[in-house]
């Protein structure tokens, strides 16, 4: 949880320095979303409903603050999209 708190703090600092929402959303996607989807297919079975719910709440909070795009999907959809992308790249090899 420390990494998440540090990332949210960094986004808050960037916002207070006048960084626009589009740039904040790019930073959020590059840091938080990348962390959430990294190797998601490997640890998919170990994520409990409670954990998914907490991740979804964190995404909702980031939406309210303007750190992520309003149309960013919740965790399950992010994970499924990351898996699809991974398997599509594997098919190309």
Protein backbone atom coordinates (compact mmCIF):
# COMPACT_ATOMS: atom_id res chain seq x y z
CA UNK A 1 0.00 0.00 0.00
CA UNK A 2 2.97 2.30 0.51
CA UNK A 3 3.71 2.41 -3.23
CA UNK A 4 0.11 3.39 -3.95
CA UNK A 5 0.14 6.11 -1.32
CA UNK A 6 3.41 7.46 -2.70
CA UNK A 7 2.03 7.50 -6.24
CA UNK A 8 -1.15 9.32 -5.18
CA UNK A 9 0.97 11.83 -3.25
CA UNK A 10 3.15 12.40 -6.32
CA UNK A 11 0.05 12.95 -8.47
CA UNK A 12 -1.31 15.42 -5.91
CA UNK A 13 1.99 17.33 -5.99
CA UNK A 14 1.97 17.38 -9.80
CA UNK A 15 -1.60 18.67 -9.80
CA UNK A 16 -0.74 21.41 -7.30
CA UNK A 17 2.14 22.46 -9.58
CA UNK A 18 -0.34 23.06 -12.39
CA UNK A 19 0.03 19.89 -14.44
CA UNK A 20 -3.09 19.45 -16.56
CA UNK A 21 -5.47 16.50 -16.19
CA UNK A 22 -4.42 14.87 -19.47
CA UNK A 23 -0.81 14.64 -18.28
CA UNK A 24 -1.90 13.39 -14.84
CA UNK A 25 -3.95 10.68 -16.51
CA UNK A 26 -0.95 9.58 -18.57
CA UNK A 27 1.19 9.36 -15.44
CA UNK A 28 -1.57 7.40 -13.66
CA UNK A 29 -1.86 4.95 -16.56
CA UNK A 30 1.92 4.53 -16.80
CA UNK A 31 2.38 3.89 -13.09
CA UNK A 32 -0.75 2.61 -11.37
CA UNK A 33 -2.45 0.79 -14.23
CA UNK A 34 0.84 -0.75 -15.32
CA UNK A 35 1.42 -2.00 -11.78
CA UNK A 36 -2.11 -3.44 -11.56
CA UNK A 37 -1.89 -5.30 -14.85
CA UNK A 38 1.71 -6.50 -14.63
CA UNK A 39 1.67 -10.32 -14.76
CA UNK A 40 -2.06 -10.25 -13.97
CA UNK A 41 -2.62 -13.56 -15.72
CA UNK A 42 -0.07 -15.25 -13.43
CA UNK A 43 -1.68 -14.15 -10.16
CA UNK A 44 -5.29 -13.99 -11.37
CA UNK A 45 -6.46 -16.88 -9.18
CA UNK A 46 -4.95 -15.42 -6.04
CA UNK A 47 -6.86 -12.11 -6.09
CA UNK A 48 -9.89 -12.36 -3.82
CA UNK A 49 -13.15 -10.47 -4.31
CA UNK A 50 -12.25 -8.22 -1.37
CA UNK A 51 -8.96 -7.26 -3.04
CA UNK A 52 -10.66 -6.55 -6.37
CA UNK A 53 -13.21 -4.38 -4.57
CA UNK A 54 -10.44 -2.35 -2.88
CA UNK A 55 -8.68 -1.86 -6.23
CA UNK A 56 -11.95 -0.72 -7.81
CA UNK A 57 -12.49 1.76 -4.97
CA UNK A 58 -8.98 3.15 -5.50
CA UNK A 59 -9.71 3.57 -9.23
CA UNK A 60 -12.99 5.35 -8.41
CA UNK A 61 -11.16 7.68 -6.02
CA UNK A 62 -8.58 8.48 -8.70
CA UNK A 63 -11.43 9.31 -11.10
CA UNK A 64 -12.93 11.75 -8.60
CA UNK A 65 -9.59 13.52 -8.20
CA UNK A 66 -9.07 13.63 -11.97
CA UNK A 67 -5.98 11.42 -11.87
CA UNK A 68 -7.39 8.88 -14.31
CA UNK A 69 -9.73 9.05 -17.26
CA UNK A 70 -13.44 8.87 -16.45
CA UNK A 71 -13.82 5.96 -18.87
CA UNK A 72 -11.01 3.86 -17.36
CA UNK A 73 -12.48 0.39 -16.75
CA UNK A 74 -12.47 -1.31 -13.39
CA UNK A 75 -9.88 -3.93 -12.40
CA UNK A 76 -11.45 -7.02 -13.98
CA UNK A 77 -11.74 -5.33 -17.37
CA UNK A 78 -8.19 -3.95 -17.11
CA UNK A 79 -6.86 -7.40 -16.29
CA UNK A 80 -8.80 -9.03 -19.14
CA UNK A 81 -7.56 -6.43 -21.62
CA UNK A 82 -3.96 -6.94 -20.46
CA UNK A 83 -4.32 -10.71 -20.87
CA UNK A 84 -5.81 -10.32 -24.35
CA UNK A 85 -2.95 -8.04 -25.36
CA UNK A 86 -0.39 -10.49 -23.99
CA UNK A 87 -1.88 -13.46 -25.80
CA UNK A 88 -2.30 -11.51 -29.03
CA UNK A 89 1.41 -10.63 -28.94
CA UNK A 90 2.27 -14.26 -28.27
CA UNK A 91 0.26 -15.30 -31.36
CA UNK A 92 2.35 -12.96 -33.50
CA UNK A 93 5.59 -14.69 -32.49
